[in-house]
Protein backbone atom coordinates (compact mmCIF):
# COMPACT_ATOMS: atom_id res chain seq x y z
CA UNK A 1 186.38 53.84 110.34
CA UNK A 2 184.08 56.63 111.98
CA UNK A 3 183.74 58.14 108.86
CA UNK A 4 182.06 54.95 107.68
CA UNK A 5 179.47 54.88 110.74
CA UNK A 6 178.74 57.83 110.15
CA UNK A 7 177.77 56.96 106.24
CA UNK A 8 176.33 53.86 107.74
CA UNK A 9 173.73 55.91 109.87
CA UNK A 10 173.39 57.98 107.46
CA UNK A 11 172.16 55.34 105.13
CA UNK A 12 169.64 54.05 107.64
CA UNK A 13 168.23 57.34 108.23
CA UNK A 14 167.12 57.89 104.52
CA UNK A 15 166.26 53.70 104.66
CA UNK A 16 163.63 55.23 107.13
CA UNK A 17 162.44 57.73 105.07
CA UNK A 18 161.75 56.11 101.87
CA UNK A 19 159.04 53.70 100.65
CA UNK A 20 159.22 50.37 100.33
CA UNK A 21 157.24 49.47 98.18
CA UNK A 22 154.70 47.45 100.08
CA UNK A 23 152.05 50.09 101.52
CA UNK A 24 150.06 49.80 105.08
CA UNK A 25 147.58 48.03 105.53
CA UNK A 26 145.00 51.01 104.75
CA UNK A 27 146.92 52.85 102.18
CA UNK A 28 146.15 52.89 97.98
CA UNK A 29 149.41 53.21 96.42
CA UNK A 30 148.67 56.14 94.45
CA UNK A 31 151.76 53.47 91.67
CA UNK A 32 148.68 51.18 91.13
CA UNK A 33 146.91 53.70 89.53
CA UNK A 34 149.49 55.15 87.52
CA UNK A 35 150.84 51.53 86.42
CA UNK A 36 147.03 50.89 85.17
CA UNK A 37 146.99 54.70 83.25
CA UNK A 38 149.60 52.87 81.63
CA UNK A 39 148.71 48.99 80.95
CA UNK A 40 150.87 47.46 82.87
CA UNK A 41 150.48 44.97 84.77
CA UNK A 42 149.76 45.15 89.14
CA UNK A 43 150.95 42.61 91.50
CA UNK A 44 150.24 43.39 95.48
CA UNK A 45 149.22 42.28 98.47
CA UNK A 46 145.43 41.82 99.87
CA UNK A 47 145.75 44.61 102.30
CA UNK A 48 142.88 46.08 103.21
CA UNK A 49 143.95 49.64 101.50
CA UNK A 50 143.74 47.77 97.81
CA UNK A 51 141.42 45.31 98.57
CA UNK A 52 138.67 48.04 99.36
CA UNK A 53 139.46 48.42 95.62
CA UNK A 54 140.41 45.87 93.20
CA UNK A 55 138.65 42.38 93.93
CA UNK A 56 140.56 39.55 92.88
CA UNK A 57 140.07 40.02 89.08
CA UNK A 58 141.00 43.13 88.75
CA UNK A 59 144.53 42.96 90.09
CA UNK A 60 147.03 40.06 90.65
CA UNK A 61 147.69 39.76 94.56
CA UNK A 62 150.20 37.64 96.34
CA UNK A 63 150.07 36.73 100.15
CA UNK A 64 151.36 39.55 102.00
CA UNK A 65 154.80 39.36 103.02
CA UNK A 66 155.51 36.01 101.25
CA UNK A 67 158.15 36.28 98.25
CA UNK A 68 157.59 32.69 97.02
CA UNK A 69 154.52 33.88 96.43
CA UNK A 70 154.95 36.80 95.00
CA UNK A 71 157.58 35.20 93.00
CA UNK A 72 155.17 32.96 91.42
CA UNK A 73 152.27 35.64 90.44
CA UNK A 74 155.11 37.08 88.23
CA UNK A 75 156.00 33.84 86.94
CA UNK A 76 152.02 33.47 86.15
CA UNK A 77 151.83 37.15 84.60
CA UNK A 78 155.40 36.05 82.13
CA UNK A 79 153.81 32.88 81.07
CA UNK A 80 149.94 33.78 80.48
CA UNK A 81 149.80 37.12 78.52
CA UNK A 82 146.44 37.10 77.42
CA UNK A 83 145.01 36.23 81.09
CA UNK A 84 147.23 38.70 82.59
CA UNK A 85 145.98 41.65 80.09
CA UNK A 86 142.71 40.61 80.78
CA UNK A 87 143.17 41.33 84.79
CA UNK A 88 144.66 44.46 83.34
CA UNK A 89 141.56 46.15 81.27
CA UNK A 90 139.41 45.03 84.51
CA UNK A 91 141.77 46.82 86.61
CA UNK A 92 141.94 49.99 84.52
CA UNK A 93 138.03 50.22 84.46
CA UNK A 94 138.71 50.91 88.31
CA UNK A 95 141.61 53.31 87.57
CA UNK A 96 139.55 55.23 85.17
CA UNK A 97 136.28 55.53 87.96
CA UNK A 98 138.62 56.87 90.37
CA UNK A 99 140.46 59.47 88.03
CA UNK A 100 140.79 62.66 88.27
CA UNK A 101 138.97 62.85 85.17
CA UNK A 102 135.94 60.80 86.26
CA UNK A 103 135.42 62.83 89.64
CA UNK A 104 135.06 66.57 88.03
CA UNK A 105 132.33 65.64 85.57
CA UNK A 106 129.66 66.89 88.24
CA UNK A 107 131.94 69.89 88.64
CA UNK A 108 132.28 71.11 85.19
CA UNK A 109 128.24 70.13 84.98
CA UNK A 110 127.91 72.57 88.33
CA UNK A 111 130.07 75.44 86.60
CA UNK A 112 128.27 75.04 83.66
CA UNK A 113 125.38 75.64 85.71
CA UNK A 114 126.24 78.50 87.98
CA UNK A 115 127.89 80.38 84.68
CA UNK A 116 124.73 80.57 82.66
CA UNK A 117 122.98 81.27 85.88
CA UNK A 118 124.82 84.21 86.20
CA UNK A 119 124.31 84.64 82.31
CA UNK A 120 127.60 83.17 81.05
CA UNK A 121 127.38 80.81 78.08
CA UNK A 122 129.71 77.92 77.73
CA UNK A 123 131.95 77.89 80.54
CA UNK A 124 133.13 80.96 83.12
CA UNK A 125 136.42 82.53 81.26
CA UNK A 126 139.50 82.13 83.87
CA UNK A 127 141.78 84.58 83.99
CA UNK A 128 142.65 87.86 85.43
CA UNK A 129 139.19 90.04 85.99
CA UNK A 130 138.55 93.70 84.50
CA UNK A 131 138.96 96.29 87.16
CA UNK A 132 136.66 99.22 86.03
CA UNK A 133 138.58 102.26 85.50
CA UNK A 134 138.12 104.11 88.47
CA UNK A 135 138.99 107.66 88.02
CA UNK A 136 136.46 107.93 85.41
């Protein structure tokens, strides 16, 4: 009996360290962008962090802590594949706007400008620096 109680306590400790999948009020779970990158529909609560990025027509919202509403939205997705694809396409545009690739373009241009100012052609080479022979 003691052994079972210890296991239950361990499970509770693990549960406290895991994500329930329900974001905090100001959180934007990266999995939303991961699903959109794969063109998967996302059904999420309109918490502040998520609603800051996605309009009503860019993601499928359900009322927080309302399992019946979540089930209705899941059923809607299943029954309306064309409309769901449209929502996913609009959501992907949000993902693309905030993806790493979009965010690094200004840095690429800056690197090219710095390289040009230093007399480099194209992108500066990365790798081991050449060290002059000190004995020469």
